[in-house]
């Protein structure tokens, strides 16, 4: 994959391939899984293609409050993912 550069400064920049304005329950479970697996808050925000406020709402349980429990169950082998 070619590295993109800012057209004026030539500074390397990351491609944004996914942008989410809202998060599904599956997105929320994924966020919790990533956190449980040691991903940083900032990396989760970037990987999910959303803003820090949305990720914070998920991690605090303000939206999709059962997502954390489902993520722990997946890591514990109690549930199987659909993929």
PDB file of N, CA and C in Angstrom:
ATOM      1  N   UNK A   1       0.836  -1.169   0.000  1.00  0.00           N
ATOM      2  CA  UNK A   1       0.000   0.000   0.000  1.00  0.00           C
ATOM      3  C   UNK A   1       0.890   1.244   0.000  1.00  0.00           C
ATOM      4  N   UNK A   2       0.608   2.135  -0.873  1.00  0.00           N
ATOM      5  CA  UNK A   2       1.396   3.362  -0.971  1.00  0.00           C
ATOM      6  C   UNK A   2       1.065   4.299   0.193  1.00  0.00           C
ATOM      7  N   UNK A   3       2.069   5.008   0.662  1.00  0.00           N
ATOM      8  CA  UNK A   3       1.882   5.980   1.733  1.00  0.00           C
ATOM      9  C   UNK A   3       1.407   7.283   1.115  1.00  0.00           C
ATOM     10  N   UNK A   4       0.324   7.826   1.662  1.00  0.00           N
ATOM     11  CA  UNK A   4      -0.181   9.110   1.185  1.00  0.00           C
ATOM     12  C   UNK A   4       0.597  10.238   1.839  1.00  0.00           C
ATOM     13  N   UNK A   5       0.720  11.325   1.104  1.00  0.00           N
ATOM     14  CA  UNK A   5       1.402  12.509   1.639  1.00  0.00           C
ATOM     15  C   UNK A   5       0.516  13.730   1.428  1.00  0.00           C
ATOM     16  N   UNK A   6       0.634  14.662   2.364  1.00  0.00           N
ATOM     17  CA  UNK A   6      -0.096  15.913   2.211  1.00  0.00           C
ATOM     18  C   UNK A   6       0.390  16.588   0.942  1.00  0.00           C
ATOM     19  N   UNK A   7      -0.523  17.088   0.108  1.00  0.00           N
ATOM     20  CA  UNK A   7      -0.122  17.626  -1.191  1.00  0.00           C
ATOM     21  C   UNK A   7       0.776  18.867  -1.145  1.00  0.00           C
ATOM     22  N   UNK A   8       0.743  19.603  -0.063  1.00  0.00           N
ATOM     23  CA  UNK A   8       1.567  20.813   0.020  1.00  0.00           C
ATOM     24  C   UNK A   8       2.856  20.556   0.785  1.00  0.00           C
ATOM     25  N   UNK A   9       2.743  19.915   1.961  1.00  0.00           N
ATOM     26  CA  UNK A   9       3.925  19.749   2.808  1.00  0.00           C
ATOM     27  C   UNK A   9       4.691  18.462   2.545  1.00  0.00           C
ATOM     28  N   UNK A  10       4.016  17.468   1.970  1.00  0.00           N
ATOM     29  CA  UNK A  10       4.661  16.186   1.738  1.00  0.00           C
ATOM     30  C   UNK A  10       4.766  15.311   2.977  1.00  0.00           C
ATOM     31  N   UNK A  11       4.138  15.731   4.081  1.00  0.00           N
ATOM     32  CA  UNK A  11       4.155  14.961   5.315  1.00  0.00           C
ATOM     33  C   UNK A  11       3.302  13.707   5.129  1.00  0.00           C
ATOM     34  N   UNK A  12       3.815  12.524   5.529  1.00  0.00           N
ATOM     35  CA  UNK A  12       3.016  11.301   5.421  1.00  0.00           C
ATOM     36  C   UNK A  12       1.748  11.393   6.283  1.00  0.00           C
ATOM     37  N   UNK A  13       0.632  10.983   5.723  1.00  0.00           N
ATOM     38  CA  UNK A  13      -0.644  10.989   6.436  1.00  0.00           C
ATOM     39  C   UNK A  13      -1.327   9.636   6.262  1.00  0.00           C
ATOM     40  N   UNK A  14      -2.156   9.281   7.238  1.00  0.00           N
ATOM     41  CA  UNK A  14      -2.903   8.031   7.186  1.00  0.00           C
ATOM     42  C   UNK A  14      -4.131   8.178   6.303  1.00  0.00           C
ATOM     43  N   UNK A  15      -4.445   7.127   5.585  1.00  0.00           N
ATOM     44  CA  UNK A  15      -5.673   7.086   4.804  1.00  0.00           C
ATOM     45  C   UNK A  15      -6.847   6.859   5.752  1.00  0.00           C
ATOM     46  N   UNK A  16      -7.957   7.512   5.494  1.00  0.00           N
ATOM     47  CA  UNK A  16      -9.181   7.265   6.240  1.00  0.00           C
ATOM     48  C   UNK A  16     -10.080   6.454   5.325  1.00  0.00           C
ATOM     49  N   UNK A  17     -10.269   5.185   5.672  1.00  0.00           N
ATOM     50  CA  UNK A  17     -11.053   4.314   4.800  1.00  0.00           C
ATOM     51  C   UNK A  17     -12.442   4.027   5.342  1.00  0.00           C
ATOM     52  N   UNK A  18     -12.631   4.176   6.649  1.00  0.00           N
ATOM     53  CA  UNK A  18     -13.932   3.938   7.260  1.00  0.00           C
ATOM     54  C   UNK A  18     -14.298   5.161   8.081  1.00  0.00           C
ATOM     55  N   UNK A  19     -15.536   5.660   7.881  1.00  0.00           N
ATOM     56  CA  UNK A  19     -16.052   6.770   8.688  1.00  0.00           C
ATOM     57  C   UNK A  19     -17.412   6.358   9.224  1.00  0.00           C
ATOM     58  N   UNK A  20     -17.564   6.403  10.538  1.00  0.00           N
ATOM     59  CA  UNK A  20     -18.834   6.054  11.166  1.00  0.00           C
ATOM     60  C   UNK A  20     -19.386   7.257  11.921  1.00  0.00           C
ATOM     61  N   UNK A  21     -20.637   7.613  11.639  1.00  0.00           N
ATOM     62  CA  UNK A  21     -21.295   8.683  12.386  1.00  0.00           C
ATOM     63  C   UNK A  21     -22.022   8.127  13.596  1.00  0.00           C
ATOM     64  N   UNK A  22     -22.398   6.850  13.550  1.00  0.00           N
ATOM     65  CA  UNK A  22     -23.042   6.189  14.668  1.00  0.00           C
ATOM     66  C   UNK A  22     -22.485   4.781  14.766  1.00  0.00           C
ATOM     67  N   UNK A  23     -22.726   4.141  15.891  1.00  0.00           N
ATOM     68  CA  UNK A  23     -22.161   2.825  16.145  1.00  0.00           C
ATOM     69  C   UNK A  23     -23.265   1.802  16.367  1.00  0.00           C
ATOM     70  N   UNK A  24     -23.112   0.651  15.741  1.00  0.00           N
ATOM     71  CA  UNK A  24     -24.039  -0.455  15.931  1.00  0.00           C
ATOM     72  C   UNK A  24     -23.630  -1.233  17.183  1.00  0.00           C
ATOM     73  N   UNK A  25     -24.467  -2.174  17.587  1.00  0.00           N
ATOM     74  CA  UNK A  25     -24.107  -3.012  18.726  1.00  0.00           C
ATOM     75  C   UNK A  25     -22.850  -3.819  18.409  1.00  0.00           C
ATOM     76  N   UNK A  26     -22.742  -4.310  17.195  1.00  0.00           N
ATOM     77  CA  UNK A  26     -21.544  -5.068  16.812  1.00  0.00           C
ATOM     78  C   UNK A  26     -20.288  -4.184  16.871  1.00  0.00           C
ATOM     79  N   UNK A  27     -20.422  -2.918  16.469  1.00  0.00           N
ATOM     80  CA  UNK A  27     -19.308  -1.974  16.597  1.00  0.00           C
ATOM     81  C   UNK A  27     -18.926  -1.815  18.068  1.00  0.00           C
ATOM     82  N   UNK A  28     -19.944  -1.677  18.930  1.00  0.00           N
ATOM     83  CA  UNK A  28     -19.693  -1.484  20.359  1.00  0.00           C
ATOM     84  C   UNK A  28     -18.993  -2.699  20.967  1.00  0.00           C
ATOM     85  N   UNK A  29     -19.420  -3.890  20.589  1.00  0.00           N
ATOM     86  CA  UNK A  29     -18.769  -5.103  21.084  1.00  0.00           C
ATOM     87  C   UNK A  29     -17.323  -5.126  20.618  1.00  0.00           C
ATOM     88  N   UNK A  30     -17.092  -4.750  19.374  1.00  0.00           N
ATOM     89  CA  UNK A  30     -15.735  -4.707  18.829  1.00  0.00           C
ATOM     90  C   UNK A  30     -14.871  -3.724  19.610  1.00  0.00           C
ATOM     91  N   UNK A  31     -15.419  -2.575  19.961  1.00  0.00           N
ATOM     92  CA  UNK A  31     -14.681  -1.582  20.747  1.00  0.00           C
ATOM     93  C   UNK A  31     -14.266  -2.178  22.087  1.00  0.00           C
ATOM     94  N   UNK A  32     -15.195  -2.856  22.749  1.00  0.00           N
ATOM     95  CA  UNK A  32     -14.864  -3.474  24.032  1.00  0.00           C
ATOM     96  C   UNK A  32     -13.835  -4.585  23.865  1.00  0.00           C
ATOM     97  N   UNK A  33     -13.963  -5.381  22.815  1.00  0.00           N
ATOM     98  CA  UNK A  33     -12.979  -6.432  22.558  1.00  0.00           C
ATOM     99  C   UNK A  33     -11.596  -5.841  22.364  1.00  0.00           C
ATOM    100  N   UNK A  34     -11.508  -4.780  21.575  1.00  0.00           N
ATOM    101  CA  UNK A  34     -10.216  -4.147  21.329  1.00  0.00           C
ATOM    102  C   UNK A  34      -9.610  -3.634  22.627  1.00  0.00           C
ATOM    103  N   UNK A  35     -10.441  -3.019  23.466  1.00  0.00           N
ATOM    104  CA  UNK A  35      -9.952  -2.476  24.743  1.00  0.00           C
ATOM    105  C   UNK A  35      -9.472  -3.601  25.648  1.00  0.00           C
ATOM    106  N   UNK A  36     -10.253  -4.685  25.725  1.00  0.00           N
ATOM    107  CA  UNK A  36      -9.870  -5.823  26.550  1.00  0.00           C
ATOM    108  C   UNK A  36      -8.586  -6.486  26.056  1.00  0.00           C
ATOM    109  N   UNK A  37      -8.331  -6.361  24.765  1.00  0.00           N
ATOM    110  CA  UNK A  37      -7.123  -6.937  24.179  1.00  0.00           C
ATOM    111  C   UNK A  37      -5.937  -5.981  24.244  1.00  0.00           C
ATOM    112  N   UNK A  38      -6.124  -4.816  24.882  1.00  0.00           N
ATOM    113  CA  UNK A  38      -5.011  -3.909  25.131  1.00  0.00           C
ATOM    114  C   UNK A  38      -4.841  -2.754  24.170  1.00  0.00           C
ATOM    115  N   UNK A  39      -5.789  -2.558  23.261  1.00  0.00           N
ATOM    116  CA  UNK A  39      -5.685  -1.424  22.328  1.00  0.00           C
ATOM    117  C   UNK A  39      -5.857  -0.118  23.101  1.00  0.00           C
ATOM    118  N   UNK A  40      -5.119   0.901  22.691  1.00  0.00           N
ATOM    119  CA  UNK A  40      -5.260   2.205  23.332  1.00  0.00           C
ATOM    120  C   UNK A  40      -6.558   2.859  22.873  1.00  0.00           C
ATOM    121  N   UNK A  41      -7.027   3.776  23.675  1.00  0.00           N
ATOM    122  CA  UNK A  41      -8.246   4.535  23.360  1.00  0.00           C
ATOM    123  C   UNK A  41      -8.092   5.203  21.989  1.00  0.00           C
ATOM    124  N   UNK A  42      -6.965   5.849  21.786  1.00  0.00           N
ATOM    125  CA  UNK A  42      -6.724   6.558  20.526  1.00  0.00           C
ATOM    126  C   UNK A  42      -6.718   5.601  19.344  1.00  0.00           C
ATOM    127  N   UNK A  43      -6.087   4.450  19.494  1.00  0.00           N
ATOM    128  CA  UNK A  43      -6.062   3.483  18.400  1.00  0.00           C
ATOM    129  C   UNK A  43      -7.457   2.966  18.086  1.00  0.00           C
ATOM    130  N   UNK A  44      -8.279   2.751  19.120  1.00  0.00           N
ATOM    131  CA  UNK A  44      -9.651   2.306  18.885  1.00  0.00           C
ATOM    132  C   UNK A  44     -10.406   3.349  18.077  1.00  0.00           C
ATOM    133  N   UNK A  45     -10.275   4.605  18.461  1.00  0.00           N
ATOM    134  CA  UNK A  45     -10.941   5.686  17.734  1.00  0.00           C
ATOM    135  C   UNK A  45     -10.533   5.670  16.263  1.00  0.00           C
ATOM    136  N   UNK A  46      -9.248   5.555  16.002  1.00  0.00           N
ATOM    137  CA  UNK A  46      -8.758   5.565  14.630  1.00  0.00           C
ATOM    138  C   UNK A  46      -9.209   4.325  13.860  1.00  0.00           C
ATOM    139  N   UNK A  47      -9.088   3.161  14.481  1.00  0.00           N
ATOM    140  CA  UNK A  47      -9.472   1.926  13.801  1.00  0.00           C
ATOM    141  C   UNK A  47     -10.969   1.883  13.494  1.00  0.00           C
ATOM    142  N   UNK A  48     -11.776   2.425  14.384  1.00  0.00           N
ATOM    143  CA  UNK A  48     -13.221   2.379  14.186  1.00  0.00           C
ATOM    144  C   UNK A  48     -13.733   3.486  13.269  1.00  0.00           C
ATOM    145  N   UNK A  49     -12.906   4.472  12.994  1.00  0.00           N
ATOM    146  CA  UNK A  49     -13.318   5.526  12.074  1.00  0.00           C
ATOM    147  C   UNK A  49     -14.431   6.400  12.626  1.00  0.00           C
ATOM    148  N   UNK A  50     -14.358   6.663  13.912  1.00  0.00           N
ATOM    149  CA  UNK A  50     -15.359   7.513  14.548  1.00  0.00           C
ATOM    150  C   UNK A  50     -14.639   8.512  15.435  1.00  0.00           C
ATOM    151  N   UNK A  51     -15.401   9.281  16.207  1.00  0.00           N
ATOM    152  CA  UNK A  51     -14.737  10.256  17.068  1.00  0.00           C
ATOM    153  C   UNK A  51     -14.649   9.743  18.501  1.00  0.00           C
ATOM    154  N   UNK A  52     -13.826  10.390  19.289  1.00  0.00           N
ATOM    155  CA  UNK A  52     -13.560   9.958  20.654  1.00  0.00           C
ATOM    156  C   UNK A  52     -14.815   9.968  21.523  1.00  0.00           C
ATOM    157  N   UNK A  53     -15.730  10.888  21.259  1.00  0.00           N
ATOM    158  CA  UNK A  53     -16.963  10.938  22.049  1.00  0.00           C
ATOM    159  C   UNK A  53     -17.783   9.670  21.882  1.00  0.00           C
ATOM    160  N   UNK A  54     -17.904   9.169  20.649  1.00  0.00           N
ATOM    161  CA  UNK A  54     -18.674   7.940  20.410  1.00  0.00           C
ATOM    162  C   UNK A  54     -18.038   6.757  21.137  1.00  0.00           C
ATOM    163  N   UNK A  55     -16.725   6.630  21.058  1.00  0.00           N
ATOM    164  CA  UNK A  55     -16.032   5.530  21.727  1.00  0.00           C
ATOM    165  C   UNK A  55     -16.210   5.656  23.239  1.00  0.00           C
ATOM    166  N   UNK A  56     -16.119   6.862  23.760  1.00  0.00           N
ATOM    167  CA  UNK A  56     -16.325   7.082  25.188  1.00  0.00           C
ATOM    168  C   UNK A  56     -17.717   6.690  25.636  1.00  0.00           C
ATOM    169  N   UNK A  57     -18.734   7.018  24.838  1.00  0.00           N
ATOM    170  CA  UNK A  57     -20.105   6.634  25.168  1.00  0.00           C
ATOM    171  C   UNK A  57     -20.232   5.117  25.278  1.00  0.00           C
ATOM    172  N   UNK A  58     -19.567   4.405  24.382  1.00  0.00           N
ATOM    173  CA  UNK A  58     -19.606   2.938  24.413  1.00  0.00           C
ATOM    174  C   UNK A  58     -18.885   2.417  25.646  1.00  0.00           C
ATOM    175  N   UNK A  59     -17.676   2.874  25.886  1.00  0.00           N
ATOM    176  CA  UNK A  59     -16.878   2.348  26.993  1.00  0.00           C
ATOM    177  C   UNK A  59     -17.478   2.682  28.362  1.00  0.00           C
ATOM    178  N   UNK A  60     -18.208   3.789  28.445  1.00  0.00           N
ATOM    179  CA  UNK A  60     -18.886   4.148  29.701  1.00  0.00           C
ATOM    180  C   UNK A  60     -20.247   3.463  29.838  1.00  0.00           C
ATOM    181  N   UNK A  61     -20.693   2.773  28.797  1.00  0.00           N
ATOM    182  CA  UNK A  61     -21.982   2.083  28.837  1.00  0.00           C
ATOM    183  C   UNK A  61     -23.179   2.980  28.608  1.00  0.00           C
ATOM    184  N   UNK A  62     -22.955   4.185  28.092  1.00  0.00           N
ATOM    185  CA  UNK A  62     -24.053   5.109  27.831  1.00  0.00           C
ATOM    186  C   UNK A  62     -24.875   4.657  26.628  1.00  0.00           C
ATOM    187  N   UNK A  63     -24.227   4.043  25.668  1.00  0.00           N
ATOM    188  CA  UNK A  63     -24.930   3.414  24.554  1.00  0.00           C
ATOM    189  C   UNK A  63     -24.472   1.963  24.488  1.00  0.00           C
ATOM    190  N   UNK A  64     -25.351   1.092  24.061  1.00  0.00           N
ATOM    191  CA  UNK A  64     -25.086  -0.347  24.001  1.00  0.00           C
ATOM    192  C   UNK A  64     -24.523  -0.850  25.334  1.00  0.00           C
ATOM    193  N   UNK A  65     -25.281  -0.694  26.423  1.00  0.00           N
ATOM    194  CA  UNK A  65     -24.776  -1.045  27.753  1.00  0.00           C
ATOM    195  C   UNK A  65     -24.421  -2.519  27.947  1.00  0.00           C
ATOM    196  N   UNK A  66     -24.953  -3.401  27.136  1.00  0.00           N
ATOM    197  CA  UNK A  66     -24.642  -4.830  27.280  1.00  0.00           C
ATOM    198  C   UNK A  66     -23.431  -5.261  26.458  1.00  0.00           C
ATOM    199  N   UNK A  67     -22.851  -4.344  25.713  1.00  0.00           N
ATOM    200  CA  UNK A  67     -21.736  -4.690  24.819  1.00  0.00           C
ATOM    201  C   UNK A  67     -20.506  -5.183  25.577  1.00  0.00           C
ATOM    202  N   UNK A  68     -20.214  -4.594  26.726  1.00  0.00           N
ATOM    203  CA  UNK A  68     -19.035  -5.010  27.501  1.00  0.00           C
ATOM    204  C   UNK A  68     -19.179  -6.452  27.962  1.00  0.00           C
ATOM    205  N   UNK A  69     -20.356  -6.799  28.454  1.00  0.00           N
ATOM    206  CA  UNK A  69     -20.605  -8.165  28.909  1.00  0.00           C
ATOM    207  C   UNK A  69     -20.498  -9.156  27.744  1.00  0.00           C
ATOM    208  N   UNK A  70     -21.034  -8.785  26.607  1.00  0.00           N
ATOM    209  CA  UNK A  70     -20.956  -9.654  25.430  1.00  0.00           C
ATOM    210  C   UNK A  70     -19.510  -9.833  24.969  1.00  0.00           C
ATOM    211  N   UNK A  71     -18.730  -8.772  25.037  1.00  0.00           N
ATOM    212  CA  UNK A  71     -17.313  -8.861  24.642  1.00  0.00           C
ATOM    213  C   UNK A  71     -16.558  -9.791  25.586  1.00  0.00           C
ATOM    214  N   UNK A  72     -16.806  -9.662  26.886  1.00  0.00           N
ATOM    215  CA  UNK A  72     -16.146 -10.547  27.854  1.00  0.00           C
ATOM    216  C   UNK A  72     -16.545 -12.001  27.629  1.00  0.00           C
ATOM    217  N   UNK A  73     -17.808 -12.226  27.291  1.00  0.00           N
ATOM    218  CA  UNK A  73     -18.282 -13.587  27.023  1.00  0.00           C
ATOM    219  C   UNK A  73     -17.598 -14.162  25.780  1.00  0.00           C
ATOM    220  N   UNK A  74     -17.425 -13.333  24.762  1.00  0.00           N
ATOM    221  CA  UNK A  74     -16.741 -13.794  23.543  1.00  0.00           C
ATOM    222  C   UNK A  74     -15.316 -14.192  23.868  1.00  0.00           C
ATOM    223  N   UNK A  75     -14.619 -13.352  24.615  1.00  0.00           N
ATOM    224  CA  UNK A  75     -13.233 -13.681  24.965  1.00  0.00           C
ATOM    225  C   UNK A  75     -13.147 -14.887  25.889  1.00  0.00           C
ATOM    226  N   UNK A  76     -14.198 -15.103  26.677  1.00  0.00           N
ATOM    227  CA  UNK A  76     -14.226 -16.250  27.569  1.00  0.00           C
ATOM    228  C   UNK A  76     -14.668 -17.520  26.878  1.00  0.00           C
ATOM    229  N   UNK A  77     -15.070 -17.410  25.613  1.00  0.00           N
ATOM    230  CA  UNK A  77     -15.475 -18.583  24.852  1.00  0.00           C
ATOM    231  C   UNK A  77     -16.930 -18.968  25.029  1.00  0.00           C
ATOM    232  N   UNK A  78     -17.719 -18.085  25.692  1.00  0.00           N
ATOM    233  CA  UNK A  78     -19.128 -18.420  25.912  1.00  0.00           C
ATOM    234  C   UNK A  78     -19.999 -18.154  24.701  1.00  0.00           C
ATOM    235  N   UNK A  79     -19.581 -17.259  23.851  1.00  0.00           N
ATOM    236  CA  UNK A  79     -20.341 -16.931  22.642  1.00  0.00           C
ATOM    237  C   UNK A  79     -19.438 -17.066  21.428  1.00  0.00           C
ATOM    238  N   UNK A  80     -20.063 -17.302  20.315  1.00  0.00           N
ATOM    239  CA  UNK A  80     -19.313 -17.355  19.066  1.00  0.00           C
ATOM    240  C   UNK A  80     -19.701 -16.159  18.221  1.00  0.00           C
ATOM    241  N   UNK A  81     -18.732 -15.584  17.526  1.00  0.00           N
ATOM    242  CA  UNK A  81     -19.035 -14.443  16.669  1.00  0.00           C
ATOM    243  C   UNK A  81     -19.740 -14.939  15.416  1.00  0.00           C
ATOM    244  N   UNK A  82     -20.410 -14.018  14.741  1.00  0.00           N
ATOM    245  CA  UNK A  82     -21.146 -14.376  13.526  1.00  0.00           C
ATOM    246  C   UNK A  82     -20.242 -14.506  12.317  1.00  0.00           C
ATOM    247  N   UNK A  83     -18.991 -14.133  12.438  1.00  0.00           N
ATOM    248  CA  UNK A  83     -18.117 -14.121  11.268  1.00  0.00           C
ATOM    249  C   UNK A  83     -17.228 -15.331  11.223  1.00  0.00           C
TER     250      UNK A  83
END
